Amino acid sequence: MTENPEWAGRARVVVLGKEGCHLCEDAWGVVTRVADDLGASRAEVMLGEVGEAEREEYWDKIPVTFVDGRRHDFWRVDEGRLREALGARL
């Protein structure tokens, strides 16, 4: 398992997604709302931007959410859980 990929530290919250992914769009909406509410930075990284090992690891878990450079969640983003993770580190 790839631990704490470099690109996951681009912002407080990073969503690894891919084009045309409806779950990614949903995740980005939740991340945007929560990050904006809490004043946290956010970034979106596309699967094609990461290394081969990371693509292989995460392609079937998209979207994958990272908080403070660590994997937080995959497939769906729970708003309360994300708020808690960010609140604990603000």
Foldseek 3Di string as FASTA:
>chain_A
DDWLDPVCQPWQKEWEAAPPDPLSVQQVVLCVVLCVVVVTDYYYHYLVVDDPVVNVVCVVFPTWMHGNRGTDGTSHDDNVSVNVVVVVVD
